Amino acid sequence: MTALQKNEDDLLLRLWEQAGMGGEVTITLPESFRYKKAILCNLRNVKLENEINITGQKLRLNIDANAPVTILLTAQ
């Protein structure tokens, strides 16, 4: 994780794959987090059309080798 930023009711999370081995990643959120949506963003924090399902407190996504991923967690 390279960034975690609160923005009003939302939370911005940035990950960067640094091992050179892309693949599926599972992120487990703390029980106190009550986010319902996860939306991929670019490095300028502009929302992309890709939405990630949050099941329980976990979200799964694929990350490319040596690539950043920015996720906006929203309560709505």
PDB file of N, CA and C in Angstrom:
ATOM      1  N   MET A   1       0.852  -1.165   0.000  1.00  0.00           N
ATOM      2  CA  MET A   1       0.000   0.000   0.000  1.00  0.00           C
ATOM      3  C   MET A   1       0.898   1.228   0.000  1.00  0.00           C
ATOM      4  N   THR A   2       0.614   2.144  -0.908  1.00  0.00           N
ATOM      5  CA  THR A   2       1.429   3.351  -0.982  1.00  0.00           C
ATOM      6  C   THR A   2       0.670   4.601  -0.562  1.00  0.00           C
ATOM      7  N   ALA A   3      -0.675   4.514  -0.483  1.00  0.00           N
ATOM      8  CA  ALA A   3      -1.437   5.687  -0.056  1.00  0.00           C
ATOM      9  C   ALA A   3      -2.773   5.253   0.534  1.00  0.00           C
ATOM     10  N   LEU A   4      -3.209   6.000   1.530  1.00  0.00           N
ATOM     11  CA  LEU A   4      -4.515   5.830   2.149  1.00  0.00           C
ATOM     12  C   LEU A   4      -4.972   7.227   2.540  1.00  0.00           C
ATOM     13  N   GLN A   5      -6.025   7.712   1.871  1.00  0.00           N
ATOM     14  CA  GLN A   5      -6.435   9.102   2.060  1.00  0.00           C
ATOM     15  C   GLN A   5      -7.945   9.186   2.254  1.00  0.00           C
ATOM     16  N   LYS A   6      -8.361   9.835   3.319  1.00  0.00           N
ATOM     17  CA  LYS A   6      -9.782  10.067   3.593  1.00  0.00           C
ATOM     18  C   LYS A   6     -10.223  11.308   2.831  1.00  0.00           C
ATOM     19  N   ASN A   7     -11.389  11.209   2.188  1.00  0.00           N
ATOM     20  CA  ASN A   7     -11.936  12.319   1.428  1.00  0.00           C
ATOM     21  C   ASN A   7     -13.433  12.388   1.733  1.00  0.00           C
ATOM     22  N   GLU A   8     -13.818  13.255   2.657  1.00  0.00           N
ATOM     23  CA  GLU A   8     -15.189  13.341   3.158  1.00  0.00           C
ATOM     24  C   GLU A   8     -15.621  11.967   3.660  1.00  0.00           C
ATOM     25  N   ASP A   9     -16.600  11.332   3.007  1.00  0.00           N
ATOM     26  CA  ASP A   9     -17.071  10.019   3.452  1.00  0.00           C
ATOM     27  C   ASP A   9     -16.378   8.865   2.734  1.00  0.00           C
ATOM     28  N   ASP A  10     -15.534   9.183   1.769  1.00  0.00           N
ATOM     29  CA  ASP A  10     -14.869   8.166   0.960  1.00  0.00           C
ATOM     30  C   ASP A  10     -13.439   7.939   1.432  1.00  0.00           C
ATOM     31  N   LEU A  11     -12.858   6.847   0.951  1.00  0.00           N
ATOM     32  CA  LEU A  11     -11.482   6.517   1.286  1.00  0.00           C
ATOM     33  C   LEU A  11     -10.772   6.101   0.007  1.00  0.00           C
ATOM     34  N   LEU A  12      -9.612   6.691  -0.231  1.00  0.00           N
ATOM     35  CA  LEU A  12      -8.816   6.380  -1.412  1.00  0.00           C
ATOM     36  C   LEU A  12      -7.655   5.487  -0.994  1.00  0.00           C
ATOM     37  N   LEU A  13      -7.521   4.357  -1.669  1.00  0.00           N
ATOM     38  CA  LEU A  13      -6.491   3.369  -1.362  1.00  0.00           C
ATOM     39  C   LEU A  13      -5.652   3.151  -2.615  1.00  0.00           C
ATOM     40  N   ARG A  14      -4.340   3.268  -2.490  1.00  0.00           N
ATOM     41  CA  ARG A  14      -3.459   3.031  -3.638  1.00  0.00           C
ATOM     42  C   ARG A  14      -2.488   1.909  -3.308  1.00  0.00           C
ATOM     43  N   LEU A  15      -2.420   0.950  -4.229  1.00  0.00           N
ATOM     44  CA  LEU A  15      -1.508  -0.187  -4.121  1.00  0.00           C
ATOM     45  C   LEU A  15      -0.541  -0.132  -5.294  1.00  0.00           C
ATOM     46  N   TRP A  16       0.637  -0.711  -5.111  1.00  0.00           N
ATOM     47  CA  TRP A  16       1.606  -0.772  -6.196  1.00  0.00           C
ATOM     48  C   TRP A  16       2.266  -2.139  -6.144  1.00  0.00           C
ATOM     49  N   GLU A  17       2.107  -2.938  -7.200  1.00  0.00           N
ATOM     50  CA  GLU A  17       2.714  -4.261  -7.267  1.00  0.00           C
ATOM     51  C   GLU A  17       4.195  -4.074  -7.572  1.00  0.00           C
ATOM     52  N   GLN A  18       5.057  -4.491  -6.669  1.00  0.00           N
ATOM     53  CA  GLN A  18       6.490  -4.230  -6.813  1.00  0.00           C
ATOM     54  C   GLN A  18       7.338  -5.482  -6.969  1.00  0.00           C
ATOM     55  N   ALA A  19       6.738  -6.659  -6.911  1.00  0.00           N
ATOM     56  CA  ALA A  19       7.512  -7.898  -7.024  1.00  0.00           C
ATOM     57  C   ALA A  19       7.684  -8.339  -8.477  1.00  0.00           C
ATOM     58  N   GLY A  20       6.981  -7.668  -9.398  1.00  0.00           N
ATOM     59  CA  GLY A  20       7.069  -8.046 -10.801  1.00  0.00           C
ATOM     60  C   GLY A  20       6.234  -9.268 -11.148  1.00  0.00           C
ATOM     61  N   MET A  21       5.317  -9.631 -10.267  1.00  0.00           N
ATOM     62  CA  MET A  21       4.465 -10.803 -10.483  1.00  0.00           C
ATOM     63  C   MET A  21       3.007 -10.396 -10.289  1.00  0.00           C
ATOM     64  N   GLY A  22       2.356 -10.004 -11.355  1.00  0.00           N
ATOM     65  CA  GLY A  22       0.957  -9.626 -11.259  1.00  0.00           C
ATOM     66  C   GLY A  22       0.087 -10.822 -10.926  1.00  0.00           C
ATOM     67  N   GLY A  23      -1.159 -10.561 -10.613  1.00  0.00           N
ATOM     68  CA  GLY A  23      -2.101 -11.633 -10.306  1.00  0.00           C
ATOM     69  C   GLY A  23      -3.239 -11.127  -9.451  1.00  0.00           C
ATOM     70  N   GLU A  24      -4.015 -12.069  -8.923  1.00  0.00           N
ATOM     71  CA  GLU A  24      -5.163 -11.700  -8.096  1.00  0.00           C
ATOM     72  C   GLU A  24      -4.720 -11.279  -6.699  1.00  0.00           C
ATOM     73  N   VAL A  25      -5.340 -10.216  -6.224  1.00  0.00           N
ATOM     74  CA  VAL A  25      -5.055  -9.674  -4.894  1.00  0.00           C
ATOM     75  C   VAL A  25      -6.365  -9.656  -4.113  1.00  0.00           C
ATOM     76  N   THR A  26      -6.318 -10.058  -2.856  1.00  0.00           N
ATOM     77  CA  THR A  26      -7.468  -9.963  -1.964  1.00  0.00           C
ATOM     78  C   THR A  26      -7.144  -8.950  -0.880  1.00  0.00           C
ATOM     79  N   ILE A  27      -8.011  -7.968  -0.732  1.00  0.00           N
ATOM     80  CA  ILE A  27      -7.848  -6.936   0.288  1.00  0.00           C
ATOM     81  C   ILE A  27      -8.941  -7.150   1.328  1.00  0.00           C
ATOM     82  N   THR A  28      -8.552  -7.273   2.575  1.00  0.00           N
ATOM     83  CA  THR A  28      -9.507  -7.426   3.671  1.00  0.00           C
ATOM     84  C   THR A  28      -9.580  -6.111   4.434  1.00  0.00           C
ATOM     85  N   LEU A  29     -10.770  -5.542   4.470  1.00  0.00           N
ATOM     86  CA  LEU A  29     -10.988  -4.274   5.161  1.00  0.00           C
ATOM     87  C   LEU A  29     -11.312  -4.533   6.628  1.00  0.00           C
ATOM     88  N   PRO A  30     -10.940  -3.628   7.514  1.00  0.00           N
ATOM     89  CA  PRO A  30     -11.295  -3.770   8.931  1.00  0.00           C
ATOM     90  C   PRO A  30     -12.815  -3.796   9.115  1.00  0.00           C
ATOM     91  N   GLU A  31     -13.276  -4.477  10.133  1.00  0.00           N
ATOM     92  CA  GLU A  31     -14.710  -4.578  10.427  1.00  0.00           C
ATOM     93  C   GLU A  31     -15.358  -3.206  10.613  1.00  0.00           C
ATOM     94  N   SER A  32     -14.602  -2.234  11.089  1.00  0.00           N
ATOM     95  CA  SER A  32     -15.157  -0.898  11.333  1.00  0.00           C
ATOM     96  C   SER A  32     -15.429  -0.135  10.038  1.00  0.00           C
ATOM     97  N   PHE A  33     -14.876  -0.578   8.926  1.00  0.00           N
ATOM     98  CA  PHE A  33     -15.107   0.082   7.640  1.00  0.00           C
ATOM     99  C   PHE A  33     -16.471  -0.350   7.114  1.00  0.00           C
ATOM    100  N   ARG A  34     -17.281   0.590   6.721  1.00  0.00           N
ATOM    101  CA  ARG A  34     -18.630   0.303   6.230  1.00  0.00           C
ATOM    102  C   ARG A  34     -18.808   0.767   4.788  1.00  0.00           C
ATOM    103  N   TYR A  35     -17.859   0.450   3.947  1.00  0.00           N
ATOM    104  CA  TYR A  35     -17.940   0.860   2.548  1.00  0.00           C
ATOM    105  C   TYR A  35     -18.715  -0.170   1.749  1.00  0.00           C
ATOM    106  N   LYS A  36     -19.535   0.313   0.808  1.00  0.00           N
ATOM    107  CA  LYS A  36     -20.385  -0.557   0.015  1.00  0.00           C
ATOM    108  C   LYS A  36     -19.895  -0.716  -1.417  1.00  0.00           C
ATOM    109  N   LYS A  37     -19.130   0.256  -1.909  1.00  0.00           N
ATOM    110  CA  LYS A  37     -18.652   0.225  -3.290  1.00  0.00           C
ATOM    111  C   LYS A  37     -17.153   0.439  -3.344  1.00  0.00           C
ATOM    112  N   ALA A  38     -16.540  -0.188  -4.334  1.00  0.00           N
ATOM    113  CA  ALA A  38     -15.122   0.024  -4.617  1.00  0.00           C
ATOM    114  C   ALA A  38     -15.012   0.317  -6.111  1.00  0.00           C
ATOM    115  N   ILE A  39     -14.437   1.461  -6.453  1.00  0.00           N
ATOM    116  CA  ILE A  39     -14.345   1.903  -7.842  1.00  0.00           C
ATOM    117  C   ILE A  39     -12.881   2.143  -8.185  1.00  0.00           C
ATOM    118  N   LEU A  40     -12.437   1.581  -9.317  1.00  0.00           N
ATOM    119  CA  LEU A  40     -11.067   1.832  -9.765  1.00  0.00           C
ATOM    120  C   LEU A  40     -10.942   3.267 -10.252  1.00  0.00           C
ATOM    121  N   CYS A  41      -9.797   3.873  -9.986  1.00  0.00           N
ATOM    122  CA  CYS A  41      -9.490   5.234 -10.423  1.00  0.00           C
ATOM    123  C   CYS A  41      -8.128   5.232 -11.106  1.00  0.00           C
ATOM    124  N   ASN A  42      -7.850   6.297 -11.858  1.00  0.00           N
ATOM    125  CA  ASN A  42      -6.509   6.427 -12.416  1.00  0.00           C
ATOM    126  C   ASN A  42      -5.614   7.124 -11.387  1.00  0.00           C
ATOM    127  N   LEU A  43      -4.370   7.385 -11.770  1.00  0.00           N
ATOM    128  CA  LEU A  43      -3.429   7.992 -10.821  1.00  0.00           C
ATOM    129  C   LEU A  43      -3.778   9.432 -10.457  1.00  0.00           C
ATOM    130  N   ARG A  44      -4.678  10.036 -11.205  1.00  0.00           N
ATOM    131  CA  ARG A  44      -5.147  11.393 -10.872  1.00  0.00           C
ATOM    132  C   ARG A  44      -6.445  11.342 -10.068  1.00  0.00           C
ATOM    133  N   ASN A  45      -6.789  10.144  -9.621  1.00  0.00           N
ATOM    134  CA  ASN A  45      -7.982   9.898  -8.798  1.00  0.00           C
ATOM    135  C   ASN A  45      -9.293  10.140  -9.534  1.00  0.00           C
ATOM    136  N   VAL A  46      -9.260  10.055 -10.863  1.00  0.00           N
ATOM    137  CA  VAL A  46     -10.471  10.165 -11.670  1.00  0.00           C
ATOM    138  C   VAL A  46     -11.083   8.771 -11.777  1.00  0.00           C
ATOM    139  N   LYS A  47     -12.380   8.674 -11.482  1.00  0.00           N
ATOM    140  CA  LYS A  47     -13.051   7.375 -11.495  1.00  0.00           C
ATOM    141  C   LYS A  47     -13.053   6.772 -12.893  1.00  0.00           C
ATOM    142  N   LEU A  48     -12.771   5.472 -12.950  1.00  0.00           N
ATOM    143  CA  LEU A  48     -12.912   4.698 -14.170  1.00  0.00           C
ATOM    144  C   LEU A  48     -14.248   3.965 -14.087  1.00  0.00           C
ATOM    145  N   GLU A  49     -14.632   3.284 -15.128  1.00  0.00           N
ATOM    146  CA  GLU A  49     -15.938   2.621 -15.127  1.00  0.00           C
ATOM    147  C   GLU A  49     -15.936   1.297 -14.376  1.00  0.00           C
ATOM    148  N   ASN A  50     -14.758   0.808 -14.001  1.00  0.00           N
ATOM    149  CA  ASN A  50     -14.653  -0.503 -13.364  1.00  0.00           C
ATOM    150  C   ASN A  50     -15.046  -0.426 -11.893  1.00  0.00           C
ATOM    151  N   GLU A  51     -16.009  -1.251 -11.504  1.00  0.00           N
ATOM    152  CA  GLU A  51     -16.402  -1.351 -10.101  1.00  0.00           C
ATOM    153  C   GLU A  51     -15.996  -2.730  -9.581  1.00  0.00           C
ATOM    154  N   ILE A  52     -15.511  -2.777  -8.354  1.00  0.00           N
ATOM    155  CA  ILE A  52     -15.065  -4.019  -7.735  1.00  0.00           C
ATOM    156  C   ILE A  52     -16.086  -4.396  -6.669  1.00  0.00           C
ATOM    157  N   ASN A  53     -16.512  -5.637  -6.679  1.00  0.00           N
ATOM    158  CA  ASN A  53     -17.461  -6.109  -5.664  1.00  0.00           C
ATOM    159  C   ASN A  53     -16.791  -6.217  -4.307  1.00  0.00           C
ATOM    160  N   ILE A  54     -17.496  -5.780  -3.280  1.00  0.00           N
ATOM    161  CA  ILE A  54     -17.059  -5.989  -1.904  1.00  0.00           C
ATOM    162  C   ILE A  54     -17.955  -7.079  -1.332  1.00  0.00           C
ATOM    163  N   THR A  55     -17.358  -8.210  -0.971  1.00  0.00           N
ATOM    164  CA  THR A  55     -18.090  -9.333  -0.397  1.00  0.00           C
ATOM    165  C   THR A  55     -17.651  -9.474   1.047  1.00  0.00           C
ATOM    166  N   GLY A  56     -18.581  -9.247   1.958  1.00  0.00           N
ATOM    167  CA  GLY A  56     -18.191  -9.193   3.366  1.00  0.00           C
ATOM    168  C   GLY A  56     -17.295  -7.980   3.539  1.00  0.00           C
ATOM    169  N   GLN A  57     -16.123  -8.180   4.004  1.00  0.00           N
ATOM    170  CA  GLN A  57     -15.149  -7.089   4.145  1.00  0.00           C
ATOM    171  C   GLN A  57     -13.976  -7.292   3.182  1.00  0.00           C
ATOM    172  N   LYS A  58     -14.190  -8.085   2.117  1.00  0.00           N
ATOM    173  CA  LYS A  58     -13.099  -8.393   1.193  1.00  0.00           C
ATOM    174  C   LYS A  58     -13.413  -7.930  -0.213  1.00  0.00           C
ATOM    175  N   LEU A  59     -12.379  -7.496  -0.902  1.00  0.00           N
ATOM    176  CA  LEU A  59     -12.501  -7.225  -2.322  1.00  0.00           C
ATOM    177  C   LEU A  59     -11.333  -7.881  -3.041  1.00  0.00           C
ATOM    178  N   ARG A  60     -11.638  -8.378  -4.232  1.00  0.00           N
ATOM    179  CA  ARG A  60     -10.625  -9.076  -5.031  1.00  0.00           C
ATOM    180  C   ARG A  60     -10.483  -8.380  -6.369  1.00  0.00           C
ATOM    181  N   LEU A  61      -9.245  -8.271  -6.824  1.00  0.00           N
ATOM    182  CA  LEU A  61      -8.980  -7.678  -8.118  1.00  0.00           C
ATOM    183  C   LEU A  61      -7.673  -8.220  -8.666  1.00  0.00           C
ATOM    184  N   ASN A  62      -7.506  -8.083  -9.971  1.00  0.00           N
ATOM    185  CA  ASN A  62      -6.249  -8.450 -10.607  1.00  0.00           C
ATOM    186  C   ASN A  62      -5.400  -7.205 -10.745  1.00  0.00           C
ATOM    187  N   ILE A  63      -4.116  -7.379 -10.513  1.00  0.00           N
ATOM    188  CA  ILE A  63      -3.179  -6.268 -10.628  1.00  0.00           C
ATOM    189  C   ILE A  63      -2.054  -6.714 -11.560  1.00  0.00           C
ATOM    190  N   ASP A  64      -1.661  -5.841 -12.470  1.00  0.00           N
ATOM    191  CA  ASP A  64      -0.579  -6.140 -13.403  1.00  0.00           C
ATOM    192  C   ASP A  64       0.769  -6.022 -12.713  1.00  0.00           C
ATOM    193  N   ALA A  65       1.758  -6.691 -13.263  1.00  0.00           N
ATOM    194  CA  ALA A  65       3.118  -6.629 -12.721  1.00  0.00           C
ATOM    195  C   ALA A  65       3.628  -5.195 -12.750  1.00  0.00           C
ATOM    196  N   ASN A  66       4.236  -4.770 -11.664  1.00  0.00           N
ATOM    197  CA  ASN A  66       4.850  -3.441 -11.530  1.00  0.00           C
ATOM    198  C   ASN A  66       3.877  -2.298 -11.793  1.00  0.00           C
ATOM    199  N   ALA A  67       2.610  -2.492 -11.486  1.00  0.00           N
ATOM    200  CA  ALA A  67       1.594  -1.491 -11.809  1.00  0.00           C
ATOM    201  C   ALA A  67       0.918  -0.953 -10.552  1.00  0.00           C
ATOM    202  N   PRO A  68       0.482   0.312 -10.625  1.00  0.00           N
ATOM    203  CA  PRO A  68      -0.299   0.879  -9.528  1.00  0.00           C
ATOM    204  C   PRO A  68      -1.784   0.577  -9.714  1.00  0.00           C
ATOM    205  N   VAL A  69      -2.513   0.540  -8.617  1.00  0.00           N
ATOM    206  CA  VAL A  69      -3.969   0.424  -8.639  1.00  0.00           C
ATOM    207  C   VAL A  69      -4.498   1.396  -7.600  1.00  0.00           C
ATOM    208  N   THR A  70      -5.450   2.226  -8.004  1.00  0.00           N
ATOM    209  CA  THR A  70      -6.086   3.167  -7.090  1.00  0.00           C
ATOM    210  C   THR A  70      -7.552   2.776  -6.959  1.00  0.00           C
ATOM    211  N   ILE A  71      -8.017   2.636  -5.725  1.00  0.00           N
ATOM    212  CA  ILE A  71      -9.384   2.204  -5.446  1.00  0.00           C
ATOM    213  C   ILE A  71     -10.058   3.250  -4.567  1.00  0.00           C
ATOM    214  N   LEU A  72     -11.233   3.693  -4.988  1.00  0.00           N
ATOM    215  CA  LEU A  72     -12.045   4.605  -4.191  1.00  0.00           C
ATOM    216  C   LEU A  72     -13.113   3.778  -3.489  1.00  0.00           C
ATOM    217  N   LEU A  73     -13.110   3.799  -2.174  1.00  0.00           N
ATOM    218  CA  LEU A  73     -14.116   3.101  -1.378  1.00  0.00           C
ATOM    219  C   LEU A  73     -15.177   4.115  -0.978  1.00  0.00           C
ATOM    220  N   THR A  74     -16.443   3.803  -1.279  1.00  0.00           N
ATOM    221  CA  THR A  74     -17.529   4.725  -0.977  1.00  0.00           C
ATOM    222  C   THR A  74     -18.582   4.046  -0.110  1.00  0.00           C
ATOM    223  N   ALA A  75     -19.283   4.844   0.659  1.00  0.00           N
ATOM    224  CA  ALA A  75     -20.325   4.329   1.541  1.00  0.00           C
ATOM    225  C   ALA A  75     -21.658   4.189   0.817  1.00  0.00           C
ATOM    226  N   GLN A  76     -21.746   4.672  -0.401  1.00  0.00           N
ATOM    227  CA  GLN A  76     -23.016   4.632  -1.144  1.00  0.00           C
ATOM    228  C   GLN A  76     -22.942   3.692  -2.310  1.00  0.00           C
TER     229      GLN A  76
END
